[in-house]
Amino acid sequence: MAKNYNCENNFDTDFLLVNKSKYNKIVTKQENANKNPVEELDVYKVRILEYTKQKLNNDDDIESNATLDDLFESYIKNLIFHFKQLDVEKIMEVSSEDSNSGDEFIPLNNVTSLWSKHKVIRKP
């Protein structure tokens, strides 16, 4: 009978081939990668808010790099787009509430065409 020596284990055998200091660096790197971003947010929240205030005020004393500048610009553009979408949704809700108020649609008379000076006549 043939024996099966391929047993599954939860240990990465590649760690057996590195020295202790290299192993400690790898483990530390993995632990840092597994940190919860919410916990880090609590630690850096004040600094993030201060940096954001300085960027919004165009403070020249702020230390930055091209990556942070690009990310911040993208963040601001996306926030503006988001706020515009919220405004459009509010306008649409208000207009739908107004149209549902029971008022009949009143067709416009004497409307001129956008392409010429002719009047547009609507027939019922």
N, C-alpha and C. Protein backbone atom coordinates (compact mmCIF):
# COMPACT_ATOMS: atom_id res chain seq x y z
N MET A 1 0.83 -1.19 0.00
CA MET A 1 0.00 0.00 0.00
C MET A 1 0.86 1.25 0.00
N ALA A 2 0.41 2.19 -0.76
CA ALA A 2 1.15 3.45 -0.83
C ALA A 2 0.60 4.41 0.22
N LYS A 3 1.50 5.05 0.91
CA LYS A 3 1.09 6.02 1.93
C LYS A 3 1.08 7.41 1.30
N ASN A 4 0.13 8.22 1.72
CA ASN A 4 0.02 9.60 1.23
C ASN A 4 0.69 10.51 2.24
N TYR A 5 1.81 11.11 1.84
CA TYR A 5 2.54 11.99 2.73
C TYR A 5 2.17 13.47 2.52
N ASN A 6 1.25 13.76 1.61
CA ASN A 6 0.83 15.13 1.35
C ASN A 6 -0.27 15.51 2.34
N CYS A 7 0.13 16.04 3.45
CA CYS A 7 -0.86 16.46 4.44
C CYS A 7 -0.98 17.98 4.40
N GLU A 8 -2.19 18.43 4.65
CA GLU A 8 -2.41 19.87 4.65
C GLU A 8 -2.08 20.43 6.02
N ASN A 9 -1.48 21.60 6.02
CA ASN A 9 -1.23 22.29 7.28
C ASN A 9 -1.44 23.78 7.07
N ASN A 10 -1.55 24.48 8.14
CA ASN A 10 -1.80 25.92 8.07
C ASN A 10 -0.52 26.74 8.19
N PHE A 11 0.59 26.10 8.12
CA PHE A 11 1.86 26.79 8.27
C PHE A 11 2.52 26.94 6.90
N ASP A 12 2.98 28.14 6.61
CA ASP A 12 3.66 28.40 5.35
C ASP A 12 5.10 27.91 5.47
N THR A 13 5.44 26.89 4.73
CA THR A 13 6.77 26.28 4.84
C THR A 13 7.89 27.17 4.28
N ASP A 14 7.53 28.20 3.53
CA ASP A 14 8.57 29.12 3.02
C ASP A 14 9.27 29.83 4.17
N PHE A 15 8.58 29.99 5.30
CA PHE A 15 9.21 30.64 6.44
C PHE A 15 10.34 29.80 7.04
N LEU A 16 10.35 28.55 6.76
CA LEU A 16 11.41 27.70 7.28
C LEU A 16 12.74 27.97 6.59
N LEU A 17 12.71 28.63 5.44
CA LEU A 17 13.92 28.85 4.66
C LEU A 17 14.53 30.24 4.87
N VAL A 18 14.02 31.01 5.80
CA VAL A 18 14.57 32.35 6.05
C VAL A 18 15.11 32.41 7.46
N ASN A 19 16.05 33.35 7.66
CA ASN A 19 16.60 33.49 8.99
C ASN A 19 15.63 34.24 9.91
N LYS A 20 15.96 34.29 11.18
CA LYS A 20 15.03 34.82 12.18
C LYS A 20 14.71 36.30 11.96
N SER A 21 15.69 37.12 11.63
CA SER A 21 15.43 38.56 11.45
C SER A 21 14.53 38.81 10.24
N LYS A 22 14.78 38.06 9.16
CA LYS A 22 13.93 38.19 7.97
C LYS A 22 12.50 37.73 8.29
N TYR A 23 12.39 36.64 9.04
CA TYR A 23 11.08 36.13 9.44
C TYR A 23 10.33 37.19 10.26
N ASN A 24 11.02 37.84 11.20
CA ASN A 24 10.38 38.88 12.03
C ASN A 24 9.91 40.06 11.19
N LYS A 25 10.69 40.44 10.17
CA LYS A 25 10.29 41.53 9.29
C LYS A 25 9.03 41.17 8.50
N ILE A 26 8.98 39.94 8.01
CA ILE A 26 7.82 39.49 7.24
C ILE A 26 6.57 39.46 8.12
N VAL A 27 6.71 38.95 9.32
CA VAL A 27 5.58 38.86 10.25
C VAL A 27 5.10 40.26 10.62
N THR A 28 6.02 41.18 10.87
CA THR A 28 5.65 42.55 11.22
C THR A 28 4.93 43.21 10.05
N LYS A 29 5.42 43.01 8.85
CA LYS A 29 4.78 43.58 7.67
C LYS A 29 3.36 43.04 7.50
N GLN A 30 3.18 41.75 7.73
CA GLN A 30 1.85 41.15 7.62
C GLN A 30 0.91 41.66 8.71
N GLU A 31 1.43 41.86 9.91
CA GLU A 31 0.60 42.39 10.99
C GLU A 31 0.16 43.82 10.69
N ASN A 32 1.07 44.62 10.13
CA ASN A 32 0.72 45.99 9.77
C ASN A 32 -0.31 46.02 8.65
N ALA A 33 -0.21 45.09 7.71
CA ALA A 33 -1.16 45.03 6.61
C ALA A 33 -2.54 44.61 7.09
N ASN A 34 -2.59 43.87 8.17
CA ASN A 34 -3.86 43.37 8.70
C ASN A 34 -4.52 44.32 9.69
N LYS A 35 -3.93 45.48 9.93
CA LYS A 35 -4.52 46.44 10.87
C LYS A 35 -5.86 46.94 10.34
N ASN A 36 -6.73 47.23 11.24
CA ASN A 36 -8.04 47.75 10.90
C ASN A 36 -7.92 49.24 10.56
N PRO A 37 -8.38 49.67 9.36
CA PRO A 37 -8.27 51.09 9.00
C PRO A 37 -9.05 52.01 9.93
N VAL A 38 -10.10 51.51 10.56
CA VAL A 38 -10.88 52.33 11.48
C VAL A 38 -10.04 52.69 12.70
N GLU A 39 -9.25 51.75 13.18
CA GLU A 39 -8.37 52.03 14.30
C GLU A 39 -7.33 53.07 13.92
N GLU A 40 -6.78 52.96 12.73
CA GLU A 40 -5.80 53.95 12.28
C GLU A 40 -6.44 55.31 12.07
N LEU A 41 -7.69 55.33 11.67
CA LEU A 41 -8.39 56.59 11.49
C LEU A 41 -8.50 57.33 12.81
N ASP A 42 -8.78 56.61 13.87
CA ASP A 42 -8.85 57.23 15.19
C ASP A 42 -7.53 57.86 15.59
N VAL A 43 -6.43 57.22 15.22
CA VAL A 43 -5.11 57.72 15.57
C VAL A 43 -4.77 58.98 14.77
N TYR A 44 -5.11 58.99 13.46
CA TYR A 44 -4.68 60.08 12.58
C TYR A 44 -5.79 61.08 12.23
N LYS A 45 -6.93 60.97 12.86
CA LYS A 45 -8.08 61.79 12.51
C LYS A 45 -7.79 63.29 12.60
N VAL A 46 -7.19 63.73 13.68
CA VAL A 46 -6.90 65.15 13.87
C VAL A 46 -5.94 65.65 12.81
N ARG A 47 -4.92 64.87 12.50
CA ARG A 47 -3.94 65.28 11.49
C ARG A 47 -4.56 65.32 10.09
N ILE A 48 -5.46 64.36 9.81
CA ILE A 48 -6.14 64.35 8.51
C ILE A 48 -7.01 65.58 8.35
N LEU A 49 -7.75 65.92 9.38
CA LEU A 49 -8.62 67.10 9.33
C LEU A 49 -7.80 68.39 9.19
N GLU A 50 -6.69 68.48 9.90
CA GLU A 50 -5.83 69.65 9.81
C GLU A 50 -5.23 69.79 8.41
N TYR A 51 -4.77 68.68 7.85
CA TYR A 51 -4.21 68.69 6.50
C TYR A 51 -5.28 69.13 5.49
N THR A 52 -6.49 68.61 5.64
CA THR A 52 -7.58 68.96 4.73
C THR A 52 -7.91 70.44 4.82
N LYS A 53 -7.96 70.97 6.03
CA LYS A 53 -8.23 72.41 6.20
C LYS A 53 -7.15 73.25 5.50
N GLN A 54 -5.90 72.86 5.69
CA GLN A 54 -4.81 73.61 5.07
C GLN A 54 -4.88 73.53 3.55
N LYS A 55 -5.19 72.37 3.01
CA LYS A 55 -5.30 72.24 1.55
C LYS A 55 -6.46 73.07 1.01
N LEU A 56 -7.58 73.10 1.72
CA LEU A 56 -8.73 73.88 1.27
C LEU A 56 -8.45 75.38 1.33
N ASN A 57 -7.61 75.80 2.28
CA ASN A 57 -7.25 77.21 2.41
C ASN A 57 -6.04 77.59 1.57
N ASN A 58 -5.54 76.66 0.76
CA ASN A 58 -4.36 76.90 -0.08
C ASN A 58 -3.16 77.38 0.73
N ASP A 59 -2.94 76.75 1.85
CA ASP A 59 -1.83 77.10 2.72
C ASP A 59 -0.51 76.69 2.06
N ASP A 60 0.43 77.62 1.95
CA ASP A 60 1.71 77.35 1.30
C ASP A 60 2.68 76.59 2.22
N ASP A 61 2.43 76.62 3.51
CA ASP A 61 3.34 75.97 4.46
C ASP A 61 3.13 74.47 4.56
N ILE A 62 2.14 73.95 3.88
CA ILE A 62 1.82 72.53 4.01
C ILE A 62 2.81 71.69 3.21
N GLU A 63 3.25 70.58 3.83
CA GLU A 63 4.14 69.65 3.14
C GLU A 63 3.29 68.65 2.38
N SER A 64 3.60 68.49 1.12
CA SER A 64 2.80 67.61 0.27
C SER A 64 3.69 67.02 -0.82
N ASN A 65 3.13 66.06 -1.54
CA ASN A 65 3.82 65.52 -2.70
C ASN A 65 2.81 65.37 -3.83
N ALA A 66 3.28 65.00 -4.99
CA ALA A 66 2.42 64.94 -6.17
C ALA A 66 1.30 63.92 -6.00
N THR A 67 1.59 62.81 -5.37
CA THR A 67 0.56 61.78 -5.18
C THR A 67 -0.56 62.29 -4.30
N LEU A 68 -0.20 62.92 -3.18
CA LEU A 68 -1.22 63.48 -2.29
C LEU A 68 -2.02 64.58 -2.98
N ASP A 69 -1.35 65.41 -3.76
CA ASP A 69 -2.04 66.48 -4.47
C ASP A 69 -3.06 65.91 -5.46
N ASP A 70 -2.66 64.89 -6.21
CA ASP A 70 -3.57 64.26 -7.17
C ASP A 70 -4.75 63.61 -6.46
N LEU A 71 -4.48 62.90 -5.37
CA LEU A 71 -5.55 62.25 -4.62
C LEU A 71 -6.52 63.27 -4.03
N PHE A 72 -5.97 64.36 -3.49
CA PHE A 72 -6.82 65.39 -2.90
C PHE A 72 -7.69 66.06 -3.96
N GLU A 73 -7.11 66.34 -5.12
CA GLU A 73 -7.88 66.95 -6.21
C GLU A 73 -9.00 66.02 -6.67
N SER A 74 -8.70 64.75 -6.77
CA SER A 74 -9.72 63.77 -7.15
C SER A 74 -10.81 63.68 -6.08
N TYR A 75 -10.41 63.71 -4.83
CA TYR A 75 -11.35 63.67 -3.70
C TYR A 75 -12.30 64.86 -3.76
N ILE A 76 -11.77 66.05 -4.00
CA ILE A 76 -12.58 67.26 -4.05
C ILE A 76 -13.53 67.21 -5.25
N LYS A 77 -13.04 66.79 -6.41
CA LYS A 77 -13.90 66.69 -7.59
C LYS A 77 -15.05 65.72 -7.36
N ASN A 78 -14.77 64.59 -6.74
CA ASN A 78 -15.81 63.60 -6.46
C ASN A 78 -16.80 64.11 -5.43
N LEU A 79 -16.34 64.85 -4.45
CA LEU A 79 -17.27 65.44 -3.48
C LEU A 79 -18.20 66.45 -4.15
N ILE A 80 -17.65 67.29 -5.01
CA ILE A 80 -18.47 68.28 -5.71
C ILE A 80 -19.49 67.57 -6.59
N PHE A 81 -19.08 66.53 -7.30
CA PHE A 81 -20.01 65.77 -8.14
C PHE A 81 -21.11 65.15 -7.28
N HIS A 82 -20.74 64.61 -6.14
CA HIS A 82 -21.71 64.00 -5.23
C HIS A 82 -22.73 65.03 -4.74
N PHE A 83 -22.24 66.21 -4.35
CA PHE A 83 -23.14 67.25 -3.85
C PHE A 83 -24.07 67.75 -4.96
N LYS A 84 -23.56 67.85 -6.18
CA LYS A 84 -24.41 68.26 -7.30
C LYS A 84 -25.50 67.23 -7.54
N GLN A 85 -25.16 65.95 -7.43
CA GLN A 85 -26.16 64.90 -7.60
C GLN A 85 -27.23 64.98 -6.53
N LEU A 86 -26.82 65.26 -5.30
CA LEU A 86 -27.80 65.42 -4.22
C LEU A 86 -28.72 66.60 -4.48
N ASP A 87 -28.17 67.70 -5.00
CA ASP A 87 -28.98 68.87 -5.33
C ASP A 87 -30.00 68.53 -6.42
N VAL A 88 -29.57 67.81 -7.44
CA VAL A 88 -30.47 67.42 -8.53
C VAL A 88 -31.59 66.54 -7.99
N GLU A 89 -31.25 65.60 -7.11
CA GLU A 89 -32.27 64.73 -6.53
C GLU A 89 -33.29 65.52 -5.74
N LYS A 90 -32.84 66.52 -4.97
CA LYS A 90 -33.77 67.35 -4.20
C LYS A 90 -34.69 68.13 -5.13
N ILE A 91 -34.12 68.68 -6.21
CA ILE A 91 -34.93 69.43 -7.17
C ILE A 91 -35.96 68.52 -7.82
N MET A 92 -35.56 67.31 -8.17
CA MET A 92 -36.48 66.37 -8.79
C MET A 92 -37.60 65.98 -7.82
N GLU A 93 -37.28 65.81 -6.55
CA GLU A 93 -38.30 65.48 -5.56
C GLU A 93 -39.29 66.63 -5.41
N VAL A 94 -38.78 67.85 -5.37
CA VAL A 94 -39.66 69.03 -5.22
C VAL A 94 -40.54 69.17 -6.45
N SER A 95 -39.98 68.98 -7.63
CA SER A 95 -40.77 69.14 -8.84
C SER A 95 -41.80 68.02 -8.96
N SER A 96 -41.47 66.82 -8.51
CA SER A 96 -42.46 65.73 -8.57
C SER A 96 -43.56 65.95 -7.54
N GLU A 97 -43.23 66.53 -6.40
CA GLU A 97 -44.26 66.86 -5.41
C GLU A 97 -45.18 67.95 -5.94
N ASP A 98 -44.59 68.93 -6.64
CA ASP A 98 -45.41 70.01 -7.22
C ASP A 98 -46.32 69.46 -8.31
N SER A 99 -45.84 68.54 -9.11
CA SER A 99 -46.66 68.01 -10.20
C SER A 99 -47.75 67.08 -9.67
N ASN A 100 -47.55 66.52 -8.51
CA ASN A 100 -48.55 65.63 -7.92
C ASN A 100 -49.54 66.38 -7.03
N SER A 101 -49.48 67.69 -7.03
CA SER A 101 -50.35 68.46 -6.14
C SER A 101 -51.76 68.60 -6.67
N GLY A 102 -52.08 68.04 -7.82
CA GLY A 102 -53.43 68.09 -8.36
C GLY A 102 -53.63 69.16 -9.41
N ASP A 103 -52.63 69.95 -9.68
CA ASP A 103 -52.75 70.99 -10.70
C ASP A 103 -52.72 70.33 -12.07
N GLU A 104 -53.55 70.81 -12.96
CA GLU A 104 -53.57 70.31 -14.32
C GLU A 104 -52.43 70.92 -15.10
N PHE A 105 -51.94 70.20 -16.08
CA PHE A 105 -50.90 70.73 -16.95
C PHE A 105 -51.51 71.76 -17.89
N ILE A 106 -50.95 72.93 -17.90
CA ILE A 106 -51.44 74.00 -18.74
C ILE A 106 -50.47 74.16 -19.90
N PRO A 107 -50.93 73.86 -21.14
CA PRO A 107 -50.01 73.99 -22.28
C PRO A 107 -49.68 75.46 -22.55
N LEU A 108 -48.48 75.68 -23.02
CA LEU A 108 -48.04 77.03 -23.33
C LEU A 108 -48.56 77.44 -24.70
N ASN A 109 -49.03 78.65 -24.78
CA ASN A 109 -49.46 79.20 -26.06
C ASN A 109 -48.42 80.21 -26.54
N ASN A 110 -48.41 80.42 -27.83
CA ASN A 110 -47.51 81.41 -28.43
C ASN A 110 -46.03 81.13 -28.11
N VAL A 111 -45.63 79.90 -28.28
CA VAL A 111 -44.24 79.53 -28.06
C VAL A 111 -43.52 79.61 -29.39
N THR A 112 -42.38 80.27 -29.40
CA THR A 112 -41.60 80.36 -30.64
C THR A 112 -40.60 79.22 -30.69
N SER A 113 -40.29 78.80 -31.89
CA SER A 113 -39.34 77.72 -32.09
C SER A 113 -37.93 78.19 -31.75
N LEU A 114 -37.13 77.27 -31.30
CA LEU A 114 -35.74 77.60 -30.99
C LEU A 114 -34.90 77.73 -32.25
N TRP A 115 -35.38 77.14 -33.37
CA TRP A 115 -34.59 77.12 -34.60
C TRP A 115 -35.00 78.22 -35.57
N SER A 116 -36.17 78.79 -35.36
CA SER A 116 -36.62 79.86 -36.26
C SER A 116 -37.54 80.80 -35.50
N LYS A 117 -38.04 81.81 -36.21
CA LYS A 117 -38.92 82.78 -35.56
C LYS A 117 -40.39 82.38 -35.65
N HIS A 118 -40.67 81.19 -36.17
CA HIS A 118 -42.04 80.73 -36.32
C HIS A 118 -42.62 80.35 -34.96
N LYS A 119 -43.92 80.52 -34.85
CA LYS A 119 -44.62 80.14 -33.65
C LYS A 119 -44.98 78.66 -33.71
N VAL A 120 -44.92 78.02 -32.56
CA VAL A 120 -45.28 76.63 -32.45
C VAL A 120 -46.74 76.56 -32.01
N ILE A 121 -47.55 75.91 -32.79
CA ILE A 121 -48.97 75.79 -32.46
C ILE A 121 -49.21 74.34 -32.06
N ARG A 122 -49.75 74.15 -30.88
CA ARG A 122 -50.05 72.81 -30.41
C ARG A 122 -51.52 72.55 -30.57
N LYS A 123 -51.84 71.44 -31.19
CA LYS A 123 -53.24 71.09 -31.36
C LYS A 123 -53.59 69.99 -30.36
N PRO A 124 -54.77 70.10 -29.78
CA PRO A 124 -55.17 69.07 -28.81
C PRO A 124 -55.45 67.74 -29.43
